[in-house]
Amino acid sequence: MPRTWLEHIEEGLIAFLLAAMTVVTFAQVVARYVFNYSFVWALELTMYFFGALIFLGISYGVRVGAHIGVDALVRILPARAAHAMTIVSTLLCILYAAIVVYGAWIYVDKIYTIGILAQDLPVPQWVPRVVLPLGYVLLIWRLGEVLWNLLKGGHASLLGDEVADAMKYRSDDSKGDAA
């Protein structure tokens, strides 16, 4: 299936945030240990980038099946029952994410209304914190895609398959040993 523009933006933002965190942290270390100087804002900026990475990464993890969980009960159920349980689980995840979006929106709105500024950066605190509701809206979107695939009768999962991944990587390693 071809990737959508949303997937490109999502991956680009995640890559940017990882690179930006690395550059800011590296610059801070060099400034501190080589020039005996410190950027006051570096830790706060890195913290905001990391928070954004987490909240965007949640939905990315659903899309690529990277989340881990306990699925021992689902695996022993008959196929129809497992499918139904996955639909119920997905609906509960969507409900949870919607509750978080609602609460996060209230939180960001209060920070906006009060006008609190960031500690070390000259930006209002609502700006970096708006990623909380946005990340969960994106999560609802991804969970909706999973739910849609399930309702169409397709195979979809909320969790990654650690055993299959381990076996794949193990077989890749053994190919390298034979060469």
C-alpha atoms as a PDB file:
ATOM      1  CA  MET A   1       0.000   0.000   0.000  1.00  0.00           C
ATOM      2  CA  PRO A   2       1.486   3.407  -0.934  1.00  0.00           C
ATOM      3  CA  ARG A   3       2.333   5.753   1.875  1.00  0.00           C
ATOM      4  CA  THR A   4       0.122   8.787   2.364  1.00  0.00           C
ATOM      5  CA  TRP A   5       1.167  12.394   2.807  1.00  0.00           C
ATOM      6  CA  LEU A   6       0.289  12.085   6.502  1.00  0.00           C
ATOM      7  CA  GLU A   7       2.760   9.219   6.899  1.00  0.00           C
ATOM      8  CA  HIS A   8       5.484  11.275   5.214  1.00  0.00           C
ATOM      9  CA  ILE A   9       4.815  14.229   7.516  1.00  0.00           C
ATOM     10  CA  GLU A  10       4.724  11.952  10.562  1.00  0.00           C
ATOM     11  CA  GLU A  11       8.021  10.276   9.699  1.00  0.00           C
ATOM     12  CA  GLY A  12       9.615  13.593   8.749  1.00  0.00           C
ATOM     13  CA  LEU A  13       8.637  15.173  12.067  1.00  0.00           C
ATOM     14  CA  ILE A  14       9.941  12.212  14.021  1.00  0.00           C
ATOM     15  CA  ALA A  15      13.241  12.289  12.125  1.00  0.00           C
ATOM     16  CA  PHE A  16      13.509  16.061  12.592  1.00  0.00           C
ATOM     17  CA  LEU A  17      12.858  15.817  16.333  1.00  0.00           C
ATOM     18  CA  LEU A  18      15.468  13.090  16.770  1.00  0.00           C
ATOM     19  CA  ALA A  19      18.029  15.068  14.774  1.00  0.00           C
ATOM     20  CA  ALA A  20      17.219  18.338  16.551  1.00  0.00           C
ATOM     21  CA  MET A  21      17.529  16.732  19.980  1.00  0.00           C
ATOM     22  CA  THR A  22      20.897  15.283  18.991  1.00  0.00           C
ATOM     23  CA  VAL A  23      22.212  18.572  17.588  1.00  0.00           C
ATOM     24  CA  VAL A  24      21.060  20.667  20.562  1.00  0.00           C
ATOM     25  CA  THR A  25      22.483  18.195  23.074  1.00  0.00           C
ATOM     26  CA  PHE A  26      25.767  17.873  21.167  1.00  0.00           C
ATOM     27  CA  ALA A  27      26.096  21.669  20.924  1.00  0.00           C
ATOM     28  CA  GLN A  28      25.441  21.968  24.657  1.00  0.00           C
ATOM     29  CA  VAL A  29      28.129  19.381  25.487  1.00  0.00           C
ATOM     30  CA  VAL A  30      30.681  21.035  23.188  1.00  0.00           C
ATOM     31  CA  ALA A  31      29.851  24.490  24.535  1.00  0.00           C
ATOM     32  CA  ARG A  32      30.146  23.323  28.122  1.00  0.00           C
ATOM     33  CA  TYR A  33      33.304  21.209  27.940  1.00  0.00           C
ATOM     34  CA  VAL A  34      35.233  22.990  25.198  1.00  0.00           C
ATOM     35  CA  PHE A  35      34.247  26.642  25.671  1.00  0.00           C
ATOM     36  CA  ASN A  36      33.169  26.545  29.331  1.00  0.00           C
ATOM     37  CA  TYR A  37      29.844  28.058  28.277  1.00  0.00           C
ATOM     38  CA  SER A  38      26.313  26.773  28.646  1.00  0.00           C
ATOM     39  CA  PHE A  39      23.116  27.435  26.742  1.00  0.00           C
ATOM     40  CA  VAL A  40      20.453  28.071  29.360  1.00  0.00           C
ATOM     41  CA  TRP A  41      17.636  27.043  27.036  1.00  0.00           C
ATOM     42  CA  ALA A  42      19.156  23.775  25.720  1.00  0.00           C
ATOM     43  CA  LEU A  43      17.694  21.429  28.337  1.00  0.00           C
ATOM     44  CA  GLU A  44      14.206  22.898  28.067  1.00  0.00           C
ATOM     45  CA  LEU A  45      14.243  22.776  24.267  1.00  0.00           C
ATOM     46  CA  THR A  46      15.458  19.171  24.305  1.00  0.00           C
ATOM     47  CA  MET A  47      12.730  18.308  26.807  1.00  0.00           C
ATOM     48  CA  TYR A  48      10.049  19.815  24.541  1.00  0.00           C
ATOM     49  CA  PHE A  49      11.455  17.998  21.505  1.00  0.00           C
ATOM     50  CA  PHE A  50      11.471  14.728  23.451  1.00  0.00           C
ATOM     51  CA  GLY A  51       7.867  15.230  24.564  1.00  0.00           C
ATOM     52  CA  ALA A  52       6.816  15.901  20.983  1.00  0.00           C
ATOM     53  CA  LEU A  53       8.716  12.805  19.865  1.00  0.00           C
ATOM     54  CA  ILE A  54       6.836  10.685  22.396  1.00  0.00           C
ATOM     55  CA  PHE A  55       3.379  11.969  21.499  1.00  0.00           C
ATOM     56  CA  LEU A  56       3.970  11.678  17.753  1.00  0.00           C
ATOM     57  CA  GLY A  57       5.693   8.329  18.213  1.00  0.00           C
ATOM     58  CA  ILE A  58       2.651   6.777  19.899  1.00  0.00           C
ATOM     59  CA  SER A  59       0.637   6.898  16.680  1.00  0.00           C
ATOM     60  CA  TYR A  60       3.654   5.888  14.607  1.00  0.00           C
ATOM     61  CA  GLY A  61       4.019   2.808  16.814  1.00  0.00           C
ATOM     62  CA  VAL A  62       0.416   1.834  16.100  1.00  0.00           C
ATOM     63  CA  ARG A  63       0.942   2.296  12.369  1.00  0.00           C
ATOM     64  CA  VAL A  64       4.037   0.085  12.187  1.00  0.00           C
ATOM     65  CA  GLY A  65       2.892  -2.414  14.848  1.00  0.00           C
ATOM     66  CA  ALA A  66       5.714  -1.625  17.256  1.00  0.00           C
ATOM     67  CA  HIS A  67       3.795  -1.529  20.526  1.00  0.00           C
ATOM     68  CA  ILE A  68       4.265  -4.448  22.850  1.00  0.00           C
ATOM     69  CA  GLY A  69       1.650  -5.962  25.112  1.00  0.00           C
ATOM     70  CA  VAL A  70       0.379  -9.134  26.681  1.00  0.00           C
ATOM     71  CA  ASP A  71      -1.694 -11.036  24.156  1.00  0.00           C
ATOM     72  CA  ALA A  72      -1.469 -14.557  25.590  1.00  0.00           C
ATOM     73  CA  LEU A  73      -5.239 -14.760  26.128  1.00  0.00           C
ATOM     74  CA  VAL A  74      -6.060 -13.499  22.631  1.00  0.00           C
ATOM     75  CA  ARG A  75      -3.701 -16.026  21.044  1.00  0.00           C
ATOM     76  CA  ILE A  76      -5.465 -19.010  22.624  1.00  0.00           C
ATOM     77  CA  LEU A  77      -8.949 -17.863  21.605  1.00  0.00           C
ATOM     78  CA  PRO A  78     -10.652 -19.082  18.445  1.00  0.00           C
ATOM     79  CA  ALA A  79     -10.149 -16.763  15.468  1.00  0.00           C
ATOM     80  CA  ARG A  80     -13.634 -15.195  15.620  1.00  0.00           C
ATOM     81  CA  ALA A  81     -13.413 -14.504  19.343  1.00  0.00           C
ATOM     82  CA  ALA A  82      -9.893 -13.069  18.981  1.00  0.00           C
ATOM     83  CA  HIS A  83     -11.102 -10.833  16.168  1.00  0.00           C
ATOM     84  CA  ALA A  84     -14.029  -9.600  18.283  1.00  0.00           C
ATOM     85  CA  MET A  85     -11.750  -9.008  21.267  1.00  0.00           C
ATOM     86  CA  THR A  86      -9.370  -6.983  19.094  1.00  0.00           C
ATOM     87  CA  ILE A  87     -12.280  -4.814  17.924  1.00  0.00           C
ATOM     88  CA  VAL A  88     -13.365  -4.223  21.527  1.00  0.00           C
ATOM     89  CA  SER A  89      -9.769  -3.443  22.537  1.00  0.00           C
ATOM     90  CA  THR A  90      -9.439  -0.965  19.692  1.00  0.00           C
ATOM     91  CA  LEU A  91     -12.690   0.748  20.657  1.00  0.00           C
ATOM     92  CA  LEU A  92     -11.498   1.026  24.266  1.00  0.00           C
ATOM     93  CA  CYS A  93      -8.187   2.503  23.088  1.00  0.00           C
ATOM     94  CA  ILE A  94     -10.074   5.065  20.992  1.00  0.00           C
ATOM     95  CA  LEU A  95     -12.239   5.941  23.999  1.00  0.00           C
ATOM     96  CA  TYR A  96      -9.160   6.363  26.201  1.00  0.00           C
ATOM     97  CA  ALA A  97      -7.416   8.522  23.586  1.00  0.00           C
ATOM     98  CA  ALA A  98     -10.541  10.684  23.213  1.00  0.00           C
ATOM     99  CA  ILE A  99     -10.626  11.252  26.981  1.00  0.00           C
ATOM    100  CA  VAL A 100      -6.948  12.271  26.896  1.00  0.00           C
ATOM    101  CA  VAL A 101      -7.593  14.634  23.961  1.00  0.00           C
ATOM    102  CA  TYR A 102     -10.421  16.282  25.873  1.00  0.00           C
ATOM    103  CA  GLY A 103      -8.361  16.674  29.048  1.00  0.00           C
ATOM    104  CA  ALA A 104      -5.274  17.813  27.155  1.00  0.00           C
ATOM    105  CA  TRP A 105      -7.293  20.400  25.248  1.00  0.00           C
ATOM    106  CA  ILE A 106      -8.622  21.826  28.530  1.00  0.00           C
ATOM    107  CA  TYR A 107      -5.062  21.862  29.910  1.00  0.00           C
ATOM    108  CA  VAL A 108      -3.587  23.629  26.877  1.00  0.00           C
ATOM    109  CA  ASP A 109      -6.486  26.092  26.800  1.00  0.00           C
ATOM    110  CA  LYS A 110      -5.922  27.025  30.457  1.00  0.00           C
ATOM    111  CA  ILE A 111      -2.207  27.578  29.843  1.00  0.00           C
ATOM    112  CA  TYR A 112      -3.105  29.704  26.813  1.00  0.00           C
ATOM    113  CA  THR A 113      -5.672  31.718  28.792  1.00  0.00           C
ATOM    114  CA  ILE A 114      -3.317  32.339  31.695  1.00  0.00           C
ATOM    115  CA  GLY A 115      -0.466  33.231  29.341  1.00  0.00           C
ATOM    116  CA  ILE A 116       2.318  31.281  31.020  1.00  0.00           C
ATOM    117  CA  LEU A 117       5.683  31.559  29.304  1.00  0.00           C
ATOM    118  CA  ALA A 118       8.286  28.815  29.076  1.00  0.00           C
ATOM    119  CA  GLN A 119      11.011  28.982  31.696  1.00  0.00           C
ATOM    120  CA  ASP A 120      14.060  29.529  29.499  1.00  0.00           C
ATOM    121  CA  LEU A 121      12.612  30.031  26.015  1.00  0.00           C
ATOM    122  CA  PRO A 122      10.731  33.142  24.875  1.00  0.00           C
ATOM    123  CA  VAL A 123       7.613  31.213  23.833  1.00  0.00           C
ATOM    124  CA  PRO A 124       4.256  30.694  25.513  1.00  0.00           C
ATOM    125  CA  GLN A 125       4.054  27.271  27.176  1.00  0.00           C
ATOM    126  CA  TRP A 126       0.934  26.313  25.242  1.00  0.00           C
ATOM    127  CA  VAL A 127       2.960  26.180  22.007  1.00  0.00           C
ATOM    128  CA  PRO A 128       5.141  23.167  22.864  1.00  0.00           C
ATOM    129  CA  ARG A 129       2.354  21.538  24.886  1.00  0.00           C
ATOM    130  CA  VAL A 130      -0.190  21.585  22.051  1.00  0.00           C
ATOM    131  CA  VAL A 131       1.535  18.426  20.820  1.00  0.00           C
ATOM    132  CA  LEU A 132      -0.259  16.508  23.588  1.00  0.00           C
ATOM    133  CA  PRO A 133      -3.773  16.793  22.134  1.00  0.00           C
ATOM    134  CA  LEU A 134      -2.444  16.706  18.557  1.00  0.00           C
ATOM    135  CA  GLY A 135      -0.514  13.505  19.203  1.00  0.00           C
ATOM    136  CA  TYR A 136      -3.576  11.818  20.643  1.00  0.00           C
ATOM    137  CA  VAL A 137      -5.761  13.021  17.760  1.00  0.00           C
ATOM    138  CA  LEU A 138      -3.247  11.363  15.438  1.00  0.00           C
ATOM    139  CA  LEU A 139      -3.429   8.253  17.634  1.00  0.00           C
ATOM    140  CA  ILE A 140      -7.220   8.211  17.260  1.00  0.00           C
ATOM    141  CA  TRP A 141      -6.714   8.440  13.491  1.00  0.00           C
ATOM    142  CA  ARG A 142      -4.342   5.451  13.514  1.00  0.00           C
ATOM    143  CA  LEU A 143      -6.612   3.446  15.803  1.00  0.00           C
ATOM    144  CA  GLY A 144      -9.485   4.302  13.467  1.00  0.00           C
ATOM    145  CA  GLU A 145      -7.480   2.810  10.587  1.00  0.00           C
ATOM    146  CA  VAL A 146      -6.936  -0.361  12.617  1.00  0.00           C
ATOM    147  CA  LEU A 147     -10.632  -0.501  13.501  1.00  0.00           C
ATOM    148  CA  TRP A 148     -11.636   0.027   9.865  1.00  0.00           C
ATOM    149  CA  ASN A 149      -9.402  -2.853   8.741  1.00  0.00           C
ATOM    150  CA  LEU A 150     -10.853  -5.066  11.456  1.00  0.00           C
ATOM    151  CA  LEU A 151     -14.443  -4.208  10.544  1.00  0.00           C
ATOM    152  CA  LYS A 152     -13.735  -4.949   6.887  1.00  0.00           C
ATOM    153  CA  GLY A 153     -12.644  -8.400   7.996  1.00  0.00           C
ATOM    154  CA  GLY A 154      -8.969  -7.814   7.408  1.00  0.00           C
ATOM    155  CA  HIS A 155      -6.135  -8.679   9.721  1.00  0.00           C
ATOM    156  CA  ALA A 156      -5.032  -5.832  11.930  1.00  0.00           C
ATOM    157  CA  SER A 157      -3.379  -5.744  15.292  1.00  0.00           C
ATOM    158  CA  LEU A 158      -2.661  -3.197  17.988  1.00  0.00           C
ATOM    159  CA  LEU A 159       0.494  -5.007  19.026  1.00  0.00           C
ATOM    160  CA  GLY A 160       3.678  -6.017  17.361  1.00  0.00           C
ATOM    161  CA  ASP A 161       4.595  -9.682  17.107  1.00  0.00           C
ATOM    162  CA  GLU A 162       7.836  -9.974  19.063  1.00  0.00           C
ATOM    163  CA  VAL A 163       8.279 -13.665  18.299  1.00  0.00           C
ATOM    164  CA  ALA A 164       7.966 -13.152  14.535  1.00  0.00           C
ATOM    165  CA  ASP A 165      10.320 -10.165  14.693  1.00  0.00           C
ATOM    166  CA  ALA A 166      12.888 -12.112  16.716  1.00  0.00           C
ATOM    167  CA  MET A 167      12.723 -15.040  14.311  1.00  0.00           C
ATOM    168  CA  LYS A 168      13.120 -12.716  11.335  1.00  0.00           C
ATOM    169  CA  TYR A 169      16.163 -11.030  12.858  1.00  0.00           C
ATOM    170  CA  ARG A 170      17.596 -14.381  13.883  1.00  0.00           C
ATOM    171  CA  SER A 171      17.275 -15.710  10.333  1.00  0.00           C
ATOM    172  CA  ASP A 172      18.875 -12.489   9.016  1.00  0.00           C
ATOM    173  CA  ASP A 173      21.804 -12.996  11.400  1.00  0.00           C
ATOM    174  CA  SER A 174      22.321 -16.601  10.356  1.00  0.00           C
ATOM    175  CA  LYS A 175      22.460 -15.542   6.692  1.00  0.00           C
ATOM    176  CA  GLY A 176      25.265 -13.163   7.565  1.00  0.00           C
ATOM    177  CA  ASP A 177      27.169 -15.930   9.399  1.00  0.00           C
ATOM    178  CA  ALA A 178      27.101 -18.199   6.331  1.00  0.00           C
ATOM    179  CA  ALA A 179      28.774 -15.609   4.112  1.00  0.00           C
END
